[in-house]
Amino acid sequence: MALKTTSTNRLPAFLAMSVMNATKALEAEGADVIHLEVGQPSSPPPPAVNKALNAALADVSTHGYSVALGEWPLRQRIATHYADFYDVQLDAERIAVTP
């Protein structure tokens, strides 16, 4: 089955992946590279961040499911962003924002 080609194929690659590919090329040439392009922190967040996270978790009004396809204003803004930056027209109804 052939994949359908769309105008979104003109979009640039995810920046972190582009950086990762560039670092692979440098490593292949023998460069010693410390990878910081994709993060997995080795230290915990600052105490203020932990405090804010705990407060957010304690707020039961935020518990429950989100809108299945994502918040409508965000989906609309994503469509606008693609139009403004990539000249790609997307219907916000066809955009899904998932975790």
C-alpha atoms as a PDB file:
ATOM      1  CA  MET A   1       0.000   0.000   0.000  1.00  0.00           C
ATOM      2  CA  ALA A   2       1.458   3.354  -1.014  1.00  0.00           C
ATOM      3  CA  LEU A   3       1.477   6.204   1.456  1.00  0.00           C
ATOM      4  CA  LYS A   4      -0.472   9.275   0.487  1.00  0.00           C
ATOM      5  CA  THR A   5       1.758  12.270  -0.174  1.00  0.00           C
ATOM      6  CA  THR A   6       0.527  15.538   1.266  1.00  0.00           C
ATOM      7  CA  SER A   7       1.737  19.099   1.460  1.00  0.00           C
ATOM      8  CA  THR A   8       2.844  18.485   5.050  1.00  0.00           C
ATOM      9  CA  ASN A   9       5.808  16.558   3.605  1.00  0.00           C
ATOM     10  CA  ARG A  10       7.359  19.979   3.021  1.00  0.00           C
ATOM     11  CA  LEU A  11       7.612  20.594   6.759  1.00  0.00           C
ATOM     12  CA  PRO A  12      11.076  20.622   8.287  1.00  0.00           C
ATOM     13  CA  ALA A  13      12.202  17.742  10.465  1.00  0.00           C
ATOM     14  CA  PHE A  14      11.803  17.961  14.218  1.00  0.00           C
ATOM     15  CA  LEU A  15      14.776  20.092  15.308  1.00  0.00           C
ATOM     16  CA  ALA A  16      16.067  17.660  17.933  1.00  0.00           C
ATOM     17  CA  MET A  17      16.170  14.885  15.337  1.00  0.00           C
ATOM     18  CA  SER A  18      18.069  17.125  12.918  1.00  0.00           C
ATOM     19  CA  VAL A  19      20.597  17.930  15.626  1.00  0.00           C
ATOM     20  CA  MET A  20      20.882  14.247  16.528  1.00  0.00           C
ATOM     21  CA  ASN A  21      21.588  13.347  12.901  1.00  0.00           C
ATOM     22  CA  ALA A  22      24.241  16.064  12.696  1.00  0.00           C
ATOM     23  CA  THR A  23      25.918  14.786  15.859  1.00  0.00           C
ATOM     24  CA  LYS A  24      25.961  11.248  14.478  1.00  0.00           C
ATOM     25  CA  ALA A  25      27.880  12.553  11.476  1.00  0.00           C
ATOM     26  CA  LEU A  26      30.347  14.319  13.766  1.00  0.00           C
ATOM     27  CA  GLU A  27      30.798  11.165  15.835  1.00  0.00           C
ATOM     28  CA  ALA A  28      31.419   9.156  12.667  1.00  0.00           C
ATOM     29  CA  GLU A  29      34.269  11.578  11.945  1.00  0.00           C
ATOM     30  CA  GLY A  30      35.703  10.901  15.398  1.00  0.00           C
ATOM     31  CA  ALA A  31      34.356  13.910  17.297  1.00  0.00           C
ATOM     32  CA  ASP A  32      33.606  13.475  20.990  1.00  0.00           C
ATOM     33  CA  VAL A  33      29.991  14.604  21.339  1.00  0.00           C
ATOM     34  CA  ILE A  34      27.980  15.165  24.492  1.00  0.00           C
ATOM     35  CA  HIS A  35      24.331  14.708  23.542  1.00  0.00           C
ATOM     36  CA  LEU A  36      22.037  17.408  24.897  1.00  0.00           C
ATOM     37  CA  GLU A  37      19.542  17.491  22.029  1.00  0.00           C
ATOM     38  CA  VAL A  38      17.055  15.070  23.594  1.00  0.00           C
ATOM     39  CA  GLY A  39      16.651  15.556  27.297  1.00  0.00           C
ATOM     40  CA  GLN A  40      16.344  13.180  30.162  1.00  0.00           C
ATOM     41  CA  PRO A  41      17.450  15.192  33.161  1.00  0.00           C
ATOM     42  CA  SER A  42      19.802  13.509  35.576  1.00  0.00           C
ATOM     43  CA  SER A  43      18.810  15.757  38.463  1.00  0.00           C
ATOM     44  CA  PRO A  44      15.423  16.415  40.032  1.00  0.00           C
ATOM     45  CA  PRO A  45      13.487  19.607  39.384  1.00  0.00           C
ATOM     46  CA  PRO A  46      14.029  22.588  41.683  1.00  0.00           C
ATOM     47  CA  PRO A  47      12.016  22.587  44.941  1.00  0.00           C
ATOM     48  CA  ALA A  48       9.705  25.339  43.650  1.00  0.00           C
ATOM     49  CA  VAL A  49       8.763  23.168  40.679  1.00  0.00           C
ATOM     50  CA  ASN A  50       8.047  20.187  42.933  1.00  0.00           C
ATOM     51  CA  LYS A  51       5.898  22.419  45.148  1.00  0.00           C
ATOM     52  CA  ALA A  52       3.906  23.649  42.129  1.00  0.00           C
ATOM     53  CA  LEU A  53       3.487  20.087  40.844  1.00  0.00           C
ATOM     54  CA  ASN A  54       2.208  18.900  44.213  1.00  0.00           C
ATOM     55  CA  ALA A  55      -0.219  21.821  44.400  1.00  0.00           C
ATOM     56  CA  ALA A  56      -1.517  21.007  40.920  1.00  0.00           C
ATOM     57  CA  LEU A  57      -1.974  17.359  41.856  1.00  0.00           C
ATOM     58  CA  ALA A  58      -3.878  18.341  44.983  1.00  0.00           C
ATOM     59  CA  ASP A  59      -6.334  20.425  42.925  1.00  0.00           C
ATOM     60  CA  VAL A  60      -8.975  17.792  42.180  1.00  0.00           C
ATOM     61  CA  SER A  61     -10.795  20.141  39.801  1.00  0.00           C
ATOM     62  CA  THR A  62      -8.077  19.348  37.262  1.00  0.00           C
ATOM     63  CA  HIS A  63      -8.477  15.579  37.562  1.00  0.00           C
ATOM     64  CA  GLY A  64     -10.294  13.592  34.928  1.00  0.00           C
ATOM     65  CA  TYR A  65     -10.085  13.156  31.221  1.00  0.00           C
ATOM     66  CA  SER A  66      -9.246  15.907  28.815  1.00  0.00           C
ATOM     67  CA  VAL A  67     -11.164  16.518  25.634  1.00  0.00           C
ATOM     68  CA  ALA A  68     -10.438  13.470  23.471  1.00  0.00           C
ATOM     69  CA  LEU A  69      -9.024  15.346  20.477  1.00  0.00           C
ATOM     70  CA  GLY A  70      -7.489  18.180  22.474  1.00  0.00           C
ATOM     71  CA  GLU A  71      -8.680  21.627  23.438  1.00  0.00           C
ATOM     72  CA  TRP A  72     -10.400  23.396  20.552  1.00  0.00           C
ATOM     73  CA  PRO A  73      -8.536  26.740  20.869  1.00  0.00           C
ATOM     74  CA  LEU A  74      -5.208  24.896  20.765  1.00  0.00           C
ATOM     75  CA  ARG A  75      -6.234  22.894  17.707  1.00  0.00           C
ATOM     76  CA  GLN A  76      -7.308  26.113  15.972  1.00  0.00           C
ATOM     77  CA  ARG A  77      -4.024  27.798  16.866  1.00  0.00           C
ATOM     78  CA  ILE A  78      -2.044  24.841  15.518  1.00  0.00           C
ATOM     79  CA  ALA A  79      -3.908  25.121  12.208  1.00  0.00           C
ATOM     80  CA  THR A  80      -3.170  28.856  12.120  1.00  0.00           C
ATOM     81  CA  HIS A  81       0.502  28.221  12.889  1.00  0.00           C
ATOM     82  CA  TYR A  82       0.830  25.790   9.982  1.00  0.00           C
ATOM     83  CA  ALA A  83      -0.850  28.284   7.667  1.00  0.00           C
ATOM     84  CA  ASP A  84       1.334  31.174   8.834  1.00  0.00           C
ATOM     85  CA  PHE A  85       4.689  29.399   8.940  1.00  0.00           C
ATOM     86  CA  TYR A  86       4.414  26.626   6.361  1.00  0.00           C
ATOM     87  CA  ASP A  87       1.674  27.872   4.019  1.00  0.00           C
ATOM     88  CA  VAL A  88      -0.195  24.629   4.685  1.00  0.00           C
ATOM     89  CA  GLN A  89      -3.951  24.785   5.131  1.00  0.00           C
ATOM     90  CA  LEU A  90      -5.181  22.393   7.808  1.00  0.00           C
ATOM     91  CA  ASP A  91      -8.708  21.947   9.079  1.00  0.00           C
ATOM     92  CA  ALA A  92      -8.599  22.240  12.878  1.00  0.00           C
ATOM     93  CA  GLU A  93     -11.288  19.536  12.975  1.00  0.00           C
ATOM     94  CA  ARG A  94      -8.651  17.106  11.658  1.00  0.00           C
ATOM     95  CA  ILE A  95      -6.030  17.988  14.275  1.00  0.00           C
ATOM     96  CA  ALA A  96      -5.689  15.863  17.396  1.00  0.00           C
ATOM     97  CA  VAL A  97      -3.522  16.820  20.357  1.00  0.00           C
ATOM     98  CA  THR A  98      -2.630  13.832  22.474  1.00  0.00           C
ATOM     99  CA  PRO A  99      -0.166  13.274  25.300  1.00  0.00           C
END
